[in-house]
């Protein structure tokens, strides 16, 4: 299952890369308003139902992708990603997410504003699973690191810069199913 999720996410990213021509230096530095619209790649699917709950790596991948992929065409706020990840979070963390209700933060980042302006969606370009100092899993706890690189694309030809978010995930085994109990992240 992990291989299927990762293959689907990476295949979408690879397909996205093969469908897009490399942007010229000018289009990277300026708006694509004058460029002819080019079909954008499909958004990266976040298929939580295909996650193998008995595999902490599968759950870590799914949560990291769910928290990284935004879609301004359908997401009510930049925080909707947490609602998508909620089924794979432990009770306390899921309750915190539910209490927030996906409400927008007081000052969402400029990337989200640009995505809204262009009605853009994220595509996963790379997932790095390297762990600097791996901690051995126990029967009830596991630690995982993920770095998810995404790029926003819009149907009008606009695309954003690559954004890499690094996650440190603590997973807890709840009745045989791994769930994320803590998340720490930074954006490169």
N, C-alpha and C. Protein backbone atom coordinates (compact mmCIF):
# COMPACT_ATOMS: atom_id res chain seq x y z
N UNK A 1 0.81 -1.19 0.00
CA UNK A 1 0.00 0.00 0.00
C UNK A 1 0.86 1.26 0.00
N UNK A 2 1.92 1.25 0.83
CA UNK A 2 2.81 2.40 0.86
C UNK A 2 3.38 2.65 -0.52
N UNK A 3 3.80 1.58 -1.16
CA UNK A 3 4.37 1.73 -2.50
C UNK A 3 3.35 2.30 -3.46
N UNK A 4 2.08 1.87 -3.32
CA UNK A 4 1.03 2.37 -4.21
C UNK A 4 0.79 3.85 -3.99
N UNK A 5 0.74 4.29 -2.72
CA UNK A 5 0.52 5.70 -2.41
C UNK A 5 1.68 6.55 -2.92
N UNK A 6 2.88 6.09 -2.64
CA UNK A 6 4.06 6.84 -3.06
C UNK A 6 4.16 6.86 -4.58
N UNK A 7 3.91 5.71 -5.21
CA UNK A 7 3.96 5.64 -6.67
C UNK A 7 2.94 6.58 -7.28
N UNK A 8 1.72 6.61 -6.72
CA UNK A 8 0.68 7.50 -7.25
C UNK A 8 1.09 8.96 -7.10
N UNK A 9 1.61 9.32 -5.92
CA UNK A 9 2.01 10.71 -5.69
C UNK A 9 3.17 11.10 -6.60
N UNK A 10 4.17 10.24 -6.69
CA UNK A 10 5.32 10.57 -7.53
C UNK A 10 4.98 10.52 -9.01
N UNK A 11 4.11 9.58 -9.41
CA UNK A 11 3.72 9.50 -10.82
C UNK A 11 3.00 10.77 -11.23
N UNK A 12 2.16 11.28 -10.34
CA UNK A 12 1.46 12.53 -10.65
C UNK A 12 2.47 13.67 -10.79
N UNK A 13 3.45 13.70 -9.87
CA UNK A 13 4.47 14.73 -9.95
C UNK A 13 5.31 14.62 -11.21
N UNK A 14 5.70 13.39 -11.55
CA UNK A 14 6.49 13.16 -12.77
C UNK A 14 5.67 13.51 -14.00
N UNK A 15 4.40 13.10 -13.99
CA UNK A 15 3.53 13.44 -15.11
C UNK A 15 3.40 14.95 -15.23
N UNK A 16 3.31 15.61 -14.09
CA UNK A 16 3.21 17.07 -14.11
C UNK A 16 4.46 17.68 -14.72
N UNK A 17 5.61 17.15 -14.34
CA UNK A 17 6.86 17.69 -14.87
C UNK A 17 6.97 17.44 -16.36
N UNK A 18 6.50 16.28 -16.82
CA UNK A 18 6.63 15.97 -18.24
C UNK A 18 5.63 16.75 -19.07
N UNK A 19 4.54 17.23 -18.46
CA UNK A 19 3.55 18.00 -19.20
C UNK A 19 3.94 19.46 -19.31
N UNK A 20 4.76 19.94 -18.41
CA UNK A 20 5.13 21.35 -18.39
C UNK A 20 6.48 21.53 -19.07
N UNK A 21 6.57 22.55 -19.88
CA UNK A 21 7.87 22.90 -20.42
C UNK A 21 8.61 23.64 -19.34
N UNK A 22 9.92 23.52 -19.33
CA UNK A 22 10.71 24.24 -18.34
C UNK A 22 10.46 25.73 -18.51
N UNK A 23 10.13 26.42 -17.42
CA UNK A 23 9.87 27.85 -17.56
C UNK A 23 11.14 28.60 -17.93
N UNK A 24 10.95 29.61 -18.73
CA UNK A 24 12.10 30.44 -19.07
C UNK A 24 12.47 31.26 -17.86
N UNK A 25 13.67 31.80 -17.86
CA UNK A 25 14.11 32.61 -16.73
C UNK A 25 13.18 33.79 -16.53
N UNK A 26 12.69 34.38 -17.61
CA UNK A 26 11.80 35.53 -17.51
C UNK A 26 10.48 35.15 -16.85
N UNK A 27 9.93 33.99 -17.21
CA UNK A 27 8.65 33.62 -16.63
C UNK A 27 8.80 33.21 -15.18
N UNK A 28 9.98 32.81 -14.77
CA UNK A 28 10.21 32.47 -13.38
C UNK A 28 10.22 33.72 -12.52
N UNK A 29 10.75 34.79 -13.06
CA UNK A 29 10.89 36.01 -12.28
C UNK A 29 9.68 36.92 -12.36
N UNK A 30 8.84 36.75 -13.36
CA UNK A 30 7.70 37.64 -13.53
C UNK A 30 6.42 36.84 -13.58
N UNK A 31 5.33 37.55 -13.57
CA UNK A 31 4.02 36.92 -13.66
C UNK A 31 3.82 36.34 -15.05
N UNK A 32 3.01 35.30 -15.12
CA UNK A 32 2.74 34.66 -16.40
C UNK A 32 1.53 35.27 -17.09
N UNK A 33 1.14 36.47 -16.70
CA UNK A 33 -0.07 37.08 -17.24
C UNK A 33 -0.02 37.22 -18.76
N UNK A 34 1.16 37.47 -19.31
CA UNK A 34 1.25 37.66 -20.75
C UNK A 34 1.44 36.34 -21.50
N UNK A 35 1.72 35.27 -20.79
CA UNK A 35 1.93 33.98 -21.44
C UNK A 35 0.59 33.35 -21.82
N UNK A 36 0.61 32.54 -22.87
CA UNK A 36 -0.59 31.83 -23.27
C UNK A 36 -0.92 30.78 -22.22
N UNK A 37 -2.21 30.61 -21.90
CA UNK A 37 -2.58 29.60 -20.91
C UNK A 37 -2.17 28.21 -21.37
N UNK A 38 -1.62 27.45 -20.46
CA UNK A 38 -1.21 26.08 -20.70
C UNK A 38 -1.93 25.22 -19.66
N UNK A 39 -2.42 24.08 -20.08
CA UNK A 39 -3.12 23.21 -19.13
C UNK A 39 -2.19 22.86 -17.97
N UNK A 40 -2.70 23.02 -16.76
CA UNK A 40 -1.89 22.70 -15.59
C UNK A 40 -1.96 21.21 -15.31
N UNK A 41 -0.95 20.68 -14.63
CA UNK A 41 -1.00 19.26 -14.27
C UNK A 41 -2.11 19.03 -13.25
N UNK A 42 -2.54 17.79 -13.18
CA UNK A 42 -3.59 17.45 -12.23
C UNK A 42 -3.07 17.58 -10.81
N UNK A 43 -3.94 17.95 -9.86
CA UNK A 43 -3.49 18.05 -8.48
C UNK A 43 -3.09 16.68 -7.95
N UNK A 44 -2.18 16.68 -7.00
CA UNK A 44 -1.76 15.43 -6.39
C UNK A 44 -2.92 14.88 -5.56
N UNK A 45 -3.30 13.64 -5.82
CA UNK A 45 -4.40 13.07 -5.04
C UNK A 45 -3.94 12.74 -3.62
N UNK A 46 -4.76 13.06 -2.67
CA UNK A 46 -4.50 12.67 -1.29
C UNK A 46 -5.54 11.61 -0.98
N UNK A 47 -5.13 10.35 -1.10
CA UNK A 47 -6.06 9.23 -0.95
C UNK A 47 -5.78 8.55 0.38
N UNK A 48 -6.43 9.06 1.44
CA UNK A 48 -6.18 8.52 2.76
C UNK A 48 -6.71 7.10 2.90
N UNK A 49 -7.72 6.73 2.13
CA UNK A 49 -8.29 5.39 2.20
C UNK A 49 -7.32 4.31 1.75
N UNK A 50 -6.29 4.67 1.01
CA UNK A 50 -5.31 3.69 0.54
C UNK A 50 -4.11 3.59 1.47
N UNK A 51 -4.20 4.23 2.62
CA UNK A 51 -3.11 4.19 3.58
C UNK A 51 -3.15 2.88 4.35
N UNK A 52 -1.99 2.27 4.53
CA UNK A 52 -1.88 1.05 5.32
C UNK A 52 -1.71 1.45 6.78
N UNK A 53 -2.79 1.38 7.56
CA UNK A 53 -2.77 1.82 8.95
C UNK A 53 -1.79 1.05 9.82
N UNK A 54 -1.40 -0.14 9.40
CA UNK A 54 -0.47 -0.94 10.21
C UNK A 54 0.99 -0.60 9.91
N UNK A 55 1.22 0.33 8.99
CA UNK A 55 2.58 0.72 8.59
C UNK A 55 2.80 2.20 8.92
N UNK A 56 3.67 2.49 9.90
CA UNK A 56 3.88 3.90 10.26
C UNK A 56 4.44 4.74 9.11
N UNK A 57 5.20 4.13 8.19
CA UNK A 57 5.72 4.87 7.04
C UNK A 57 4.59 5.31 6.11
N UNK A 58 3.63 4.43 5.90
CA UNK A 58 2.49 4.75 5.04
C UNK A 58 1.67 5.89 5.64
N UNK A 59 1.45 5.83 6.95
CA UNK A 59 0.68 6.89 7.62
C UNK A 59 1.46 8.21 7.59
N UNK A 60 2.77 8.15 7.84
CA UNK A 60 3.59 9.36 7.81
C UNK A 60 3.57 10.00 6.42
N UNK A 61 3.69 9.18 5.37
CA UNK A 61 3.61 9.71 4.00
C UNK A 61 2.28 10.39 3.75
N UNK A 62 1.19 9.72 4.12
CA UNK A 62 -0.14 10.26 3.84
C UNK A 62 -0.38 11.57 4.57
N UNK A 63 0.02 11.65 5.83
CA UNK A 63 -0.18 12.89 6.59
C UNK A 63 0.69 14.01 6.04
N UNK A 64 1.95 13.72 5.74
CA UNK A 64 2.84 14.75 5.20
C UNK A 64 2.33 15.29 3.86
N UNK A 65 1.84 14.41 3.00
CA UNK A 65 1.29 14.85 1.72
C UNK A 65 -0.01 15.64 1.95
N UNK A 66 -0.88 15.13 2.82
CA UNK A 66 -2.15 15.82 3.08
C UNK A 66 -1.91 17.23 3.61
N UNK A 67 -0.91 17.40 4.47
CA UNK A 67 -0.63 18.72 5.04
C UNK A 67 0.09 19.65 4.07
N UNK A 68 0.66 19.09 3.01
CA UNK A 68 1.44 19.89 2.05
C UNK A 68 0.65 20.33 0.83
N UNK A 69 -0.41 19.62 0.49
CA UNK A 69 -1.12 19.85 -0.77
C UNK A 69 -2.35 20.73 -0.54
N UNK A 70 -2.30 21.93 -1.12
CA UNK A 70 -3.41 22.87 -1.06
C UNK A 70 -4.09 22.93 -2.43
N UNK A 71 -5.36 23.29 -2.44
CA UNK A 71 -6.09 23.46 -3.69
C UNK A 71 -7.03 24.65 -3.53
N UNK A 72 -6.61 25.79 -4.05
CA UNK A 72 -7.38 27.03 -3.87
C UNK A 72 -8.72 26.98 -4.59
N UNK A 73 -8.89 26.03 -5.50
CA UNK A 73 -10.17 25.90 -6.20
C UNK A 73 -11.24 25.31 -5.30
N UNK A 74 -10.84 24.52 -4.31
CA UNK A 74 -11.81 23.83 -3.46
C UNK A 74 -11.62 24.08 -1.97
N UNK A 75 -10.43 24.44 -1.53
CA UNK A 75 -10.18 24.62 -0.10
C UNK A 75 -10.76 25.94 0.38
N UNK A 76 -11.47 25.88 1.50
CA UNK A 76 -12.07 27.09 2.07
C UNK A 76 -11.01 28.00 2.69
N UNK A 77 -9.90 27.42 3.13
CA UNK A 77 -8.83 28.21 3.73
C UNK A 77 -7.52 27.44 3.58
N UNK A 78 -6.44 28.09 3.97
CA UNK A 78 -5.14 27.41 3.92
C UNK A 78 -5.06 26.30 4.97
N UNK A 79 -5.98 26.29 5.91
CA UNK A 79 -5.98 25.29 6.98
C UNK A 79 -6.81 24.05 6.66
N UNK A 80 -7.45 24.01 5.50
CA UNK A 80 -8.24 22.84 5.10
C UNK A 80 -7.40 21.58 5.05
N UNK A 81 -6.11 21.73 4.84
CA UNK A 81 -5.22 20.57 4.80
C UNK A 81 -5.31 19.76 6.09
N UNK A 82 -5.49 20.43 7.21
CA UNK A 82 -5.60 19.74 8.50
C UNK A 82 -6.87 18.90 8.56
N UNK A 83 -7.93 19.40 7.98
CA UNK A 83 -9.19 18.64 7.95
C UNK A 83 -9.00 17.36 7.14
N UNK A 84 -8.27 17.45 6.03
CA UNK A 84 -8.02 16.25 5.22
C UNK A 84 -7.16 15.22 5.97
N UNK A 85 -6.22 15.70 6.77
CA UNK A 85 -5.33 14.79 7.50
C UNK A 85 -5.99 14.22 8.76
N UNK A 86 -7.06 14.83 9.22
CA UNK A 86 -7.66 14.47 10.51
C UNK A 86 -7.93 12.98 10.72
N UNK A 87 -8.38 12.21 9.72
CA UNK A 87 -8.62 10.78 9.97
C UNK A 87 -7.37 10.00 10.40
N UNK A 88 -6.19 10.54 10.13
CA UNK A 88 -4.95 9.84 10.48
C UNK A 88 -4.25 10.45 11.69
N UNK A 89 -4.97 11.27 12.44
CA UNK A 89 -4.42 11.89 13.64
C UNK A 89 -5.02 11.22 14.88
N UNK A 90 -4.28 11.25 15.99
CA UNK A 90 -4.81 10.69 17.23
C UNK A 90 -5.96 11.55 17.73
N UNK A 91 -6.70 11.03 18.68
CA UNK A 91 -7.88 11.71 19.20
C UNK A 91 -7.64 13.14 19.63
N UNK A 92 -6.59 13.38 20.44
CA UNK A 92 -6.33 14.73 20.93
C UNK A 92 -5.99 15.70 19.80
N UNK A 93 -5.12 15.27 18.91
CA UNK A 93 -4.73 16.13 17.79
C UNK A 93 -5.91 16.33 16.84
N UNK A 94 -6.66 15.27 16.58
CA UNK A 94 -7.85 15.38 15.72
C UNK A 94 -8.89 16.31 16.33
N UNK A 95 -9.05 16.25 17.66
CA UNK A 95 -10.02 17.13 18.33
C UNK A 95 -9.59 18.59 18.22
N UNK A 96 -8.30 18.84 18.32
CA UNK A 96 -7.79 20.20 18.16
C UNK A 96 -8.08 20.71 16.75
N UNK A 97 -7.86 19.85 15.76
CA UNK A 97 -8.13 20.22 14.36
C UNK A 97 -9.62 20.49 14.18
N UNK A 98 -10.46 19.62 14.72
CA UNK A 98 -11.90 19.79 14.58
C UNK A 98 -12.37 21.07 15.26
N UNK A 99 -11.81 21.39 16.42
CA UNK A 99 -12.19 22.61 17.13
C UNK A 99 -11.86 23.85 16.30
N UNK A 100 -10.75 23.77 15.55
CA UNK A 100 -10.37 24.89 14.68
C UNK A 100 -11.30 25.03 13.50
N UNK A 101 -11.93 23.93 13.10
CA UNK A 101 -12.91 23.97 12.02
C UNK A 101 -12.37 24.40 10.67
N UNK A 102 -11.07 24.35 10.47
CA UNK A 102 -10.51 24.76 9.19
C UNK A 102 -10.52 26.27 8.99
N UNK A 103 -10.79 27.01 10.08
CA UNK A 103 -10.83 28.47 9.97
C UNK A 103 -9.45 29.01 9.58
N UNK A 104 -9.46 30.06 8.80
CA UNK A 104 -8.21 30.66 8.34
C UNK A 104 -7.45 31.26 9.51
N UNK A 105 -6.14 31.16 9.45
CA UNK A 105 -5.31 31.80 10.45
C UNK A 105 -5.36 33.31 10.24
N UNK A 106 -5.00 34.06 11.27
CA UNK A 106 -5.10 35.52 11.20
C UNK A 106 -4.30 36.10 10.03
N UNK A 107 -3.13 35.54 9.76
CA UNK A 107 -2.29 36.05 8.68
C UNK A 107 -1.77 34.90 7.83
N UNK A 108 -2.58 34.39 6.89
CA UNK A 108 -2.09 33.31 6.03
C UNK A 108 -0.90 33.81 5.20
N UNK A 109 -0.05 32.89 4.80
CA UNK A 109 1.14 33.31 4.07
C UNK A 109 0.81 33.80 2.67
N UNK A 110 1.75 34.51 2.08
CA UNK A 110 1.56 35.10 0.76
C UNK A 110 1.36 34.03 -0.31
N UNK A 111 1.94 32.86 -0.11
CA UNK A 111 1.78 31.78 -1.09
C UNK A 111 0.31 31.43 -1.24
N UNK A 112 -0.41 31.32 -0.13
CA UNK A 112 -1.84 30.99 -0.19
C UNK A 112 -2.60 32.10 -0.92
N UNK A 113 -2.26 33.35 -0.67
CA UNK A 113 -2.92 34.46 -1.36
C UNK A 113 -2.68 34.37 -2.87
N UNK A 114 -1.46 34.04 -3.27
CA UNK A 114 -1.17 33.89 -4.70
C UNK A 114 -1.94 32.70 -5.29
N UNK A 115 -2.01 31.61 -4.54
CA UNK A 115 -2.76 30.44 -5.03
C UNK A 115 -4.23 30.79 -5.21
N UNK A 116 -4.80 31.55 -4.27
CA UNK A 116 -6.20 31.96 -4.40
C UNK A 116 -6.38 32.86 -5.62
N UNK A 117 -5.48 33.79 -5.80
CA UNK A 117 -5.57 34.72 -6.92
C UNK A 117 -5.60 33.97 -8.26
N UNK A 118 -4.83 32.90 -8.35
CA UNK A 118 -4.72 32.15 -9.60
C UNK A 118 -5.56 30.88 -9.62
N UNK A 119 -6.29 30.62 -8.53
CA UNK A 119 -7.07 29.37 -8.41
C UNK A 119 -6.16 28.16 -8.68
N UNK A 120 -5.05 28.13 -7.98
CA UNK A 120 -4.01 27.12 -8.20
C UNK A 120 -4.17 25.93 -7.26
N UNK A 121 -3.48 24.86 -7.63
CA UNK A 121 -3.44 23.64 -6.82
C UNK A 121 -2.01 23.13 -6.77
N UNK A 122 -1.68 22.44 -5.69
CA UNK A 122 -0.33 21.91 -5.52
C UNK A 122 -0.17 20.54 -6.17
N UNK A 123 1.04 20.31 -6.64
CA UNK A 123 1.44 19.01 -7.16
C UNK A 123 2.72 18.62 -6.41
N UNK A 124 2.76 17.40 -5.88
CA UNK A 124 3.95 16.92 -5.18
C UNK A 124 5.03 16.63 -6.21
N UNK A 125 6.19 17.23 -6.01
CA UNK A 125 7.32 17.01 -6.91
C UNK A 125 8.32 16.01 -6.33
N UNK A 126 8.40 15.93 -4.99
CA UNK A 126 9.37 15.01 -4.37
C UNK A 126 9.01 14.79 -2.91
N UNK A 127 9.23 13.56 -2.43
CA UNK A 127 9.10 13.24 -1.01
C UNK A 127 10.44 12.64 -0.56
N UNK A 128 11.05 13.28 0.43
CA UNK A 128 12.31 12.80 0.99
C UNK A 128 12.00 12.14 2.33
N UNK A 129 12.39 10.88 2.46
CA UNK A 129 12.11 10.12 3.68
C UNK A 129 13.36 9.93 4.55
N UNK A 130 14.44 10.62 4.22
CA UNK A 130 15.69 10.46 4.97
C UNK A 130 15.51 10.91 6.42
N UNK A 131 16.02 10.11 7.34
CA UNK A 131 15.99 10.45 8.76
C UNK A 131 17.43 10.61 9.23
N UNK A 132 17.74 11.78 9.80
CA UNK A 132 19.11 12.04 10.24
C UNK A 132 19.56 11.07 11.32
N UNK A 133 18.85 11.00 12.41
CA UNK A 133 19.19 10.12 13.53
C UNK A 133 17.97 9.28 13.86
N UNK A 134 17.78 8.16 13.14
CA UNK A 134 16.57 7.38 13.37
C UNK A 134 16.48 6.83 14.80
N UNK A 135 15.28 6.94 15.35
CA UNK A 135 14.99 6.39 16.67
C UNK A 135 14.25 5.08 16.43
N UNK A 136 14.69 3.99 17.07
CA UNK A 136 14.00 2.71 16.85
C UNK A 136 12.53 2.79 17.26
N UNK A 137 11.68 2.14 16.46
CA UNK A 137 10.26 2.08 16.79
C UNK A 137 10.06 1.20 18.01
N UNK A 138 9.02 1.50 18.77
CA UNK A 138 8.56 0.60 19.83
C UNK A 138 7.21 0.06 19.38
N UNK A 139 6.59 -0.74 20.19
CA UNK A 139 5.28 -1.30 19.83
C UNK A 139 4.21 -0.21 19.74
N UNK A 140 4.44 0.92 20.44
CA UNK A 140 3.39 1.95 20.45
C UNK A 140 3.84 3.32 19.95
N UNK A 141 5.13 3.54 19.72
CA UNK A 141 5.62 4.85 19.27
C UNK A 141 6.58 4.70 18.09
N UNK A 142 6.50 5.65 17.18
CA UNK A 142 7.43 5.71 16.05
C UNK A 142 7.67 7.17 15.72
N UNK A 143 8.86 7.47 15.23
CA UNK A 143 9.23 8.82 14.80
C UNK A 143 9.56 8.76 13.31
N UNK A 144 9.06 9.72 12.55
CA UNK A 144 9.37 9.78 11.13
C UNK A 144 9.66 11.23 10.74
N UNK A 145 10.52 11.39 9.73
CA UNK A 145 10.77 12.69 9.12
C UNK A 145 10.36 12.60 7.66
N UNK A 146 9.78 13.66 7.16
CA UNK A 146 9.43 13.75 5.75
C UNK A 146 9.71 15.18 5.29
N UNK A 147 10.16 15.29 4.06
CA UNK A 147 10.30 16.60 3.41
C UNK A 147 9.52 16.49 2.11
N UNK A 148 8.46 17.28 2.00
CA UNK A 148 7.58 17.21 0.83
C UNK A 148 7.76 18.50 0.03
N UNK A 149 8.17 18.34 -1.23
CA UNK A 149 8.33 19.49 -2.13
C UNK A 149 7.13 19.55 -3.06
N UNK A 150 6.48 20.71 -3.09
CA UNK A 150 5.32 20.91 -3.95
C UNK A 150 5.53 22.15 -4.80
N UNK A 151 4.78 22.21 -5.88
CA UNK A 151 4.73 23.41 -6.72
C UNK A 151 3.27 23.65 -7.05
N UNK A 152 2.87 24.90 -6.99
CA UNK A 152 1.49 25.28 -7.31
C UNK A 152 1.38 25.53 -8.81
N UNK A 153 0.31 25.03 -9.39
CA UNK A 153 0.02 25.23 -10.81
C UNK A 153 -1.41 25.75 -10.95
N UNK A 154 -1.64 26.56 -11.98
CA UNK A 154 -2.98 27.06 -12.27
C UNK A 154 -3.30 26.83 -13.74
N UNK A 155 -4.57 26.74 -14.03
CA UNK A 155 -5.00 26.50 -15.41
C UNK A 155 -4.68 27.66 -16.34
N UNK A 156 -4.41 28.85 -15.78
CA UNK A 156 -4.08 30.00 -16.62
C UNK A 156 -2.60 30.04 -17.01
N UNK A 157 -1.85 28.98 -16.67
CA UNK A 157 -0.44 28.91 -17.03
C UNK A 157 0.51 29.35 -15.94
N UNK A 158 0.00 29.96 -14.90
CA UNK A 158 0.84 30.40 -13.78
C UNK A 158 1.33 29.19 -13.00
N UNK A 159 2.58 29.27 -12.54
CA UNK A 159 3.04 28.29 -11.56
C UNK A 159 3.93 28.98 -10.55
N UNK A 160 3.89 28.47 -9.35
CA UNK A 160 4.64 29.06 -8.25
C UNK A 160 6.01 28.43 -8.11
N UNK A 161 6.73 28.91 -7.13
CA UNK A 161 8.04 28.36 -6.82
C UNK A 161 7.87 27.04 -6.08
N UNK A 162 8.90 26.22 -6.12
CA UNK A 162 8.87 24.98 -5.35
C UNK A 162 8.95 25.33 -3.87
N UNK A 163 8.10 24.66 -3.09
CA UNK A 163 8.08 24.87 -1.64
C UNK A 163 8.32 23.51 -0.98
N UNK A 164 9.31 23.47 -0.10
CA UNK A 164 9.59 22.24 0.63
C UNK A 164 9.24 22.44 2.09
N UNK A 165 8.40 21.56 2.60
CA UNK A 165 8.03 21.58 4.01
C UNK A 165 8.59 20.33 4.65
N UNK A 166 9.33 20.53 5.74
CA UNK A 166 9.91 19.41 6.48
C UNK A 166 9.04 19.11 7.70
N UNK A 167 8.75 17.83 7.89
CA UNK A 167 7.89 17.39 8.99
C UNK A 167 8.66 16.44 9.90
N UNK A 168 8.44 16.60 11.20
CA UNK A 168 8.87 15.64 12.20
C UNK A 168 7.59 15.13 12.83
N UNK A 169 7.31 13.86 12.60
CA UNK A 169 6.04 13.27 12.99
C UNK A 169 6.25 12.23 14.10
N UNK A 170 5.44 12.33 15.13
CA UNK A 170 5.40 11.29 16.16
C UNK A 170 4.13 10.49 15.91
N UNK A 171 4.29 9.19 15.79
CA UNK A 171 3.15 8.31 15.55
C UNK A 171 2.92 7.43 16.77
N UNK A 172 1.65 7.17 17.05
CA UNK A 172 1.25 6.33 18.16
C UNK A 172 0.38 5.20 17.62
N UNK A 173 0.64 3.99 18.10
CA UNK A 173 -0.16 2.84 17.69
C UNK A 173 -1.40 2.80 18.56
N UNK A 174 -2.55 3.00 17.94
CA UNK A 174 -3.84 3.01 18.64
C UNK A 174 -4.63 1.79 18.18
N UNK A 175 -4.66 0.77 19.03
CA UNK A 175 -5.39 -0.47 18.71
C UNK A 175 -4.98 -1.07 17.36
N UNK A 176 -3.69 -1.07 17.08
CA UNK A 176 -3.17 -1.68 15.86
C UNK A 176 -3.11 -0.75 14.66
N UNK A 177 -3.61 0.47 14.79
CA UNK A 177 -3.57 1.44 13.70
C UNK A 177 -2.66 2.60 14.09
N UNK A 178 -1.68 2.90 13.24
CA UNK A 178 -0.78 4.03 13.51
C UNK A 178 -1.49 5.33 13.22
N UNK A 179 -1.33 6.29 14.13
CA UNK A 179 -1.90 7.62 13.97
C UNK A 179 -0.84 8.64 14.37
N UNK A 180 -0.88 9.81 13.75
CA UNK A 180 0.06 10.87 14.08
C UNK A 180 -0.45 11.57 15.33
N UNK A 181 0.42 11.65 16.35
CA UNK A 181 0.04 12.27 17.62
C UNK A 181 0.71 13.63 17.82
N UNK A 182 1.75 13.93 17.05
CA UNK A 182 2.41 15.23 17.13
C UNK A 182 3.05 15.55 15.79
N UNK A 183 3.00 16.82 15.42
CA UNK A 183 3.58 17.29 14.16
C UNK A 183 4.38 18.56 14.45
N UNK A 184 5.59 18.59 13.95
CA UNK A 184 6.39 19.81 13.95
C UNK A 184 6.84 20.00 12.52
N UNK A 185 6.82 21.24 12.03
CA UNK A 185 7.20 21.46 10.64
C UNK A 185 7.93 22.78 10.47
N UNK A 186 8.73 22.82 9.41
CA UNK A 186 9.37 24.06 8.98
C UNK A 186 9.27 24.12 7.47
N UNK A 187 9.31 25.33 6.95
CA UNK A 187 9.26 25.53 5.51
C UNK A 187 10.61 26.07 5.07
N UNK A 188 11.21 25.38 4.10
CA UNK A 188 12.51 25.82 3.57
C UNK A 188 12.35 27.06 2.73
